[in-house]
Amino acid sequence: MSKKFLTLLATAAVFALPAFAQEKVKVGVSGGDGEAIWQEVKELAKKDGIDVQIVVFNDYLLPNEALNAGDLDANAFQHKPFLENQIKAKGYKIVPIADTVVAPIGLYSNKVKTVAELKNGATVGIPNDPSNGGRALLLLQAQGLVKLKDGVGILPTVLDITENKRDLKLRELDAAQLPRSLQDLDAAVINTNYALQANLNPSKDAIAIEAAKGNPYGNIIAVREGDKDKPVFKKLVASYQNETIRAFILDKFKGAQIPVF
């Protein structure tokens, strides 16, 4: 058998090898900013043999239900206090495996330009879920609009308000509805992903915004408890927590999303 023939045979064998099979990972994310970031992560993950399949959600309840039921492999839409509250309420066996971003929540208004302009009796919308509602109340307290009981931590409720000098009327609404309801309110505390979807820029349009430093509401990647040590998720985290993604977030969102890794 000639050397030339052996070389041709070896070459043919190489081309006959099956394509490298990528491991599929279905990740639930929020629309808008979350989806944009994960499209970048998807491209990086390909290089490490992961086919990230992005599933977009437009509410805060379905992604954990889907993950817990096995319809997703991971999700990345929520901060730690929200997940902790969901676990307590629903009994989910879901755990965080990595930090992603913090998105400072803001107070928005179509009727006033500053917090000082809010009149007595103004109606202010806040999210109706415990973790984001508490977050909204803490922002209102930081602006001197209400005072909360000492020691309430990061999950206060409207029942914890001890002082409301401007007699603000607080309306608890689904977080996703707040941007659409802004025209009927004097102001509303809106989560950043929903603000961006409504073309509200936190750094320009918010009349008050949460501090980023020391913020306990950092977002996470979460998986089912039994899957947390799978090698594929270590690769997924590495695809997110790198300088390419950090630079993209800082350039794209201009402070509306801040990397916490």
Protein backbone atom coordinates (compact mmCIF):
# COMPACT_ATOMS: atom_id res chain seq x y z
CA MET A 1 0.00 0.00 0.00
CA SER A 2 1.59 3.30 -1.07
CA LYS A 3 2.37 6.14 1.28
CA LYS A 4 0.23 8.45 -0.86
CA PHE A 5 -2.77 6.11 -0.54
CA LEU A 6 -2.35 5.93 3.26
CA THR A 7 -2.30 9.71 3.46
CA LEU A 8 -5.50 9.99 1.41
CA LEU A 9 -7.15 7.32 3.56
CA ALA A 10 -6.24 9.16 6.78
CA THR A 11 -7.55 12.44 5.38
CA ALA A 12 -10.83 10.82 4.39
CA ALA A 13 -11.19 9.36 7.88
CA VAL A 14 -10.78 12.79 9.48
CA PHE A 15 -13.47 14.31 7.29
CA ALA A 16 -15.73 11.37 8.02
CA LEU A 17 -15.69 12.04 11.77
CA PRO A 18 -19.05 13.25 13.13
CA ALA A 19 -19.35 16.94 14.02
CA PHE A 20 -18.69 17.82 17.64
CA ALA A 21 -22.00 17.54 19.49
CA GLN A 22 -22.76 20.55 21.63
CA GLU A 23 -24.52 20.13 24.98
CA LYS A 24 -27.85 21.94 25.00
CA VAL A 25 -28.74 24.15 27.96
CA LYS A 26 -32.14 25.82 28.05
CA VAL A 27 -31.97 29.11 30.01
CA GLY A 28 -34.97 31.24 31.01
CA VAL A 29 -34.29 34.99 30.95
CA SER A 30 -36.22 38.24 31.11
CA GLY A 31 -36.95 40.10 27.88
CA GLY A 32 -34.99 43.18 26.89
CA ASP A 33 -31.73 43.64 28.78
CA GLY A 34 -31.51 40.07 30.03
CA GLU A 35 -32.07 38.67 26.56
CA ALA A 36 -29.46 41.02 25.06
CA ILE A 37 -26.80 39.90 27.52
CA TRP A 38 -27.56 36.23 27.04
CA GLN A 39 -27.32 36.51 23.27
CA GLU A 40 -23.68 37.52 23.84
CA VAL A 41 -23.19 34.69 26.35
CA LYS A 42 -24.66 32.26 23.83
CA GLU A 43 -21.95 33.09 21.30
CA LEU A 44 -19.16 32.61 23.83
CA ALA A 45 -20.63 29.37 25.15
CA LYS A 46 -20.52 27.85 21.65
CA LYS A 47 -16.74 27.87 21.86
CA ASP A 48 -16.95 25.70 24.96
CA GLY A 49 -19.33 23.17 23.47
CA ILE A 50 -22.57 24.57 24.89
CA ASP A 51 -25.67 25.33 22.83
CA VAL A 52 -27.51 27.90 24.96
CA GLN A 53 -31.19 27.94 24.08
CA ILE A 54 -32.69 31.21 25.31
CA VAL A 55 -36.30 31.21 26.52
CA VAL A 56 -37.71 34.70 27.11
CA PHE A 57 -40.24 35.40 29.89
CA ASN A 58 -42.14 38.60 30.55
CA ASP A 59 -43.13 37.97 34.15
CA TYR A 60 -41.36 37.01 37.38
CA LEU A 61 -43.27 33.85 38.32
CA LEU A 62 -43.09 31.49 35.36
CA PRO A 63 -39.28 31.14 35.09
CA ASN A 64 -38.96 29.46 38.50
CA GLU A 65 -42.02 27.30 37.88
CA ALA A 66 -40.53 26.17 34.57
CA LEU A 67 -37.12 25.47 36.09
CA ASN A 68 -38.56 23.55 39.00
CA ALA A 69 -40.73 21.48 36.61
CA GLY A 70 -37.75 20.58 34.43
CA ASP A 71 -38.81 22.66 31.42
CA LEU A 72 -35.64 24.76 31.81
CA ASP A 73 -32.10 23.80 32.77
CA ALA A 74 -31.33 27.18 34.35
CA ASN A 75 -32.74 30.66 34.67
CA ALA A 76 -31.19 34.11 35.03
CA PHE A 77 -33.75 36.82 35.72
CA GLN A 78 -34.02 37.32 39.48
CA HIS A 79 -32.13 38.65 42.47
CA LYS A 80 -31.35 36.59 45.55
CA PRO A 81 -34.10 37.96 47.84
CA PHE A 82 -36.72 37.16 45.19
CA LEU A 83 -35.52 33.57 44.86
CA GLU A 84 -35.37 33.14 48.63
CA ASN A 85 -38.95 34.35 48.92
CA GLN A 86 -40.09 32.04 46.11
CA ILE A 87 -38.40 29.05 47.76
CA LYS A 88 -40.12 29.88 51.03
CA ALA A 89 -43.52 30.30 49.36
CA LYS A 90 -43.38 27.48 46.81
CA GLY A 91 -40.87 25.00 48.21
CA TYR A 92 -38.73 25.05 45.06
CA LYS A 93 -35.48 23.07 45.10
CA ILE A 94 -33.60 25.79 43.24
CA VAL A 95 -30.19 27.23 44.14
CA PRO A 96 -28.03 30.12 42.87
CA ILE A 97 -24.75 29.14 41.24
CA ALA A 98 -23.34 32.50 40.10
CA ASP A 99 -23.72 36.27 40.41
CA THR A 100 -24.48 38.29 37.27
CA VAL A 101 -25.60 41.92 37.48
CA VAL A 102 -27.35 44.37 39.73
CA ALA A 103 -29.97 46.59 38.13
CA PRO A 104 -30.70 49.54 40.44
CA ILE A 105 -34.46 50.01 40.76
CA GLY A 106 -35.79 53.50 40.05
CA LEU A 107 -38.69 55.85 40.78
CA TYR A 108 -40.23 57.27 37.60
CA SER A 109 -42.87 59.88 36.86
CA ASN A 110 -44.57 61.46 33.85
CA LYS A 111 -45.91 64.28 36.01
CA VAL A 112 -42.99 65.58 38.09
CA LYS A 113 -39.27 66.02 37.48
CA THR A 114 -38.06 65.62 41.06
CA VAL A 115 -39.06 63.80 44.24
CA ALA A 116 -39.61 67.15 45.95
CA GLU A 117 -42.42 67.96 43.48
CA LEU A 118 -44.56 64.99 44.54
CA LYS A 119 -47.64 66.50 46.16
CA ASN A 120 -49.37 65.41 49.34
CA GLY A 121 -51.70 62.53 48.56
CA ALA A 122 -49.79 61.53 45.43
CA THR A 123 -50.41 57.99 44.16
CA VAL A 124 -47.24 55.92 43.84
CA GLY A 125 -47.14 52.46 42.29
CA ILE A 126 -44.90 49.73 43.69
CA PRO A 127 -44.45 46.05 42.71
CA ASN A 128 -46.85 43.69 44.42
CA ASP A 129 -44.41 40.81 45.00
CA PRO A 130 -42.79 40.76 48.47
CA SER A 131 -39.14 41.16 47.49
CA ASN A 132 -39.54 43.93 44.90
CA GLY A 133 -42.27 45.63 46.90
CA GLY A 134 -39.93 45.73 49.87
CA ARG A 135 -37.17 47.03 47.66
CA ALA A 136 -39.46 49.83 46.45
CA LEU A 137 -40.34 50.81 50.02
CA LEU A 138 -36.67 50.99 50.95
CA LEU A 139 -36.08 53.33 48.01
CA LEU A 140 -38.99 55.54 49.11
CA GLN A 141 -37.54 55.59 52.63
CA ALA A 142 -34.10 56.54 51.29
CA GLN A 143 -35.78 59.50 49.58
CA GLY A 144 -37.44 60.59 52.83
CA LEU A 145 -40.96 59.85 51.55
CA VAL A 146 -41.83 57.21 54.16
CA LYS A 147 -40.32 55.77 57.30
CA LEU A 148 -40.25 52.05 58.07
CA LYS A 149 -40.05 50.11 61.31
CA ASP A 150 -36.55 49.54 62.61
CA GLY A 151 -35.12 46.12 61.83
CA VAL A 152 -37.44 45.22 58.95
CA GLY A 153 -34.50 44.13 56.79
CA ILE A 154 -34.91 43.93 53.02
CA LEU A 155 -38.49 42.63 52.94
CA PRO A 156 -40.66 45.35 54.47
CA THR A 157 -44.33 45.64 53.56
CA VAL A 158 -46.72 48.58 53.56
CA LEU A 159 -47.75 47.46 57.06
CA ASP A 160 -44.24 48.36 58.24
CA ILE A 161 -44.67 52.05 57.35
CA THR A 162 -44.59 54.10 60.55
CA GLU A 163 -44.51 57.54 58.97
CA ASN A 164 -45.98 58.88 55.72
CA LYS A 165 -45.92 62.66 56.04
CA ARG A 166 -47.07 63.31 52.47
CA ASP A 167 -49.94 60.83 52.82
CA LEU A 168 -48.78 58.96 49.71
CA LYS A 169 -51.29 56.47 48.32
CA LEU A 170 -49.33 53.30 47.54
CA ARG A 171 -50.80 51.07 44.82
CA GLU A 172 -49.37 47.55 44.64
CA LEU A 173 -49.38 46.30 41.05
CA ASP A 174 -47.76 43.51 39.09
CA ALA A 175 -44.21 44.63 38.31
CA ALA A 176 -44.70 44.20 34.56
CA GLN A 177 -47.79 46.47 34.60
CA LEU A 178 -46.13 49.44 36.29
CA PRO A 179 -44.68 51.09 33.15
CA ARG A 180 -48.08 50.88 31.42
CA SER A 181 -49.79 52.25 34.52
CA LEU A 182 -47.42 55.20 34.88
CA GLN A 183 -49.81 57.55 33.06
CA ASP A 184 -52.44 56.89 35.74
CA LEU A 185 -50.03 57.34 38.66
CA ASP A 186 -48.07 60.27 40.00
CA ALA A 187 -44.97 58.07 40.16
CA ALA A 188 -43.99 54.41 40.21
CA VAL A 189 -41.05 52.31 41.34
CA ILE A 190 -40.14 50.17 38.33
CA ASN A 191 -37.66 47.34 37.95
CA THR A 192 -34.95 48.14 35.44
CA ASN A 193 -35.76 45.41 32.91
CA TYR A 194 -39.35 46.63 32.64
CA ALA A 195 -38.20 50.26 32.56
CA LEU A 196 -35.87 49.57 29.63
CA GLN A 197 -38.61 47.72 27.75
CA ALA A 198 -40.74 50.87 28.14
CA ASN A 199 -37.87 53.04 26.80
CA LEU A 200 -37.16 54.50 30.23
CA ASN A 201 -33.46 55.01 30.85
CA PRO A 202 -32.69 54.66 34.59
CA SER A 203 -29.73 57.02 34.47
CA LYS A 204 -31.70 59.75 32.66
CA ASP A 205 -35.39 59.26 33.38
CA ALA A 206 -35.57 58.10 37.00
CA ILE A 207 -36.27 60.84 39.52
CA ALA A 208 -34.65 58.63 42.19
CA ILE A 209 -32.55 55.51 41.89
CA GLU A 210 -31.19 52.86 44.21
CA ALA A 211 -27.51 52.94 45.18
CA ALA A 212 -25.39 50.35 43.35
CA LYS A 213 -22.67 49.96 45.94
CA GLY A 214 -23.51 47.42 48.64
CA ASN A 215 -26.78 46.60 46.88
CA PRO A 216 -28.20 43.29 48.20
CA TYR A 217 -30.32 42.75 45.08
CA GLY A 218 -27.67 41.23 42.82
CA ASN A 219 -29.07 38.96 40.11
CA ILE A 220 -28.07 35.32 39.78
CA ILE A 221 -27.97 32.25 37.59
CA ALA A 222 -30.08 29.53 39.24
CA VAL A 223 -30.44 25.78 38.64
CA ARG A 224 -32.17 22.86 40.30
CA GLU A 225 -30.41 21.81 43.47
CA GLY A 226 -29.54 18.36 42.14
CA ASP A 227 -27.84 19.84 39.06
CA LYS A 228 -25.63 22.46 40.70
CA ASP A 229 -22.39 20.48 40.40
CA LYS A 230 -22.77 19.47 36.75
CA PRO A 231 -19.69 20.41 34.70
CA VAL A 232 -21.83 22.05 32.01
CA PHE A 233 -22.96 24.71 34.46
CA LYS A 234 -19.39 25.54 35.44
CA LYS A 235 -18.75 26.17 31.74
CA LEU A 236 -21.95 28.23 31.47
CA VAL A 237 -20.91 30.41 34.39
CA ALA A 238 -17.46 30.89 32.87
CA SER A 239 -19.10 32.01 29.62
CA TYR A 240 -21.00 34.70 31.53
CA GLN A 241 -18.39 35.79 34.04
CA ASN A 242 -15.67 37.00 31.72
CA GLU A 243 -14.27 40.32 30.59
CA THR A 244 -16.02 40.25 27.20
CA ILE A 245 -19.44 40.11 28.84
CA ARG A 246 -18.44 42.63 31.52
CA ALA A 247 -17.36 45.11 28.83
CA PHE A 248 -20.56 44.52 26.85
CA ILE A 249 -22.77 45.18 29.88
CA LEU A 250 -20.94 48.38 30.83
CA ASP A 251 -20.97 49.72 27.27
CA LYS A 252 -24.52 48.68 26.39
CA PHE A 253 -26.42 49.69 29.51
CA LYS A 254 -24.52 52.73 30.78
CA GLY A 255 -25.13 51.98 34.46
CA ALA A 256 -28.61 50.50 34.10
CA GLN A 257 -26.98 47.09 34.58
CA ILE A 258 -23.79 46.74 36.62
CA PRO A 259 -21.68 43.55 36.64
CA VAL A 260 -21.23 42.00 40.09
CA PHE A 261 -18.68 39.34 39.16
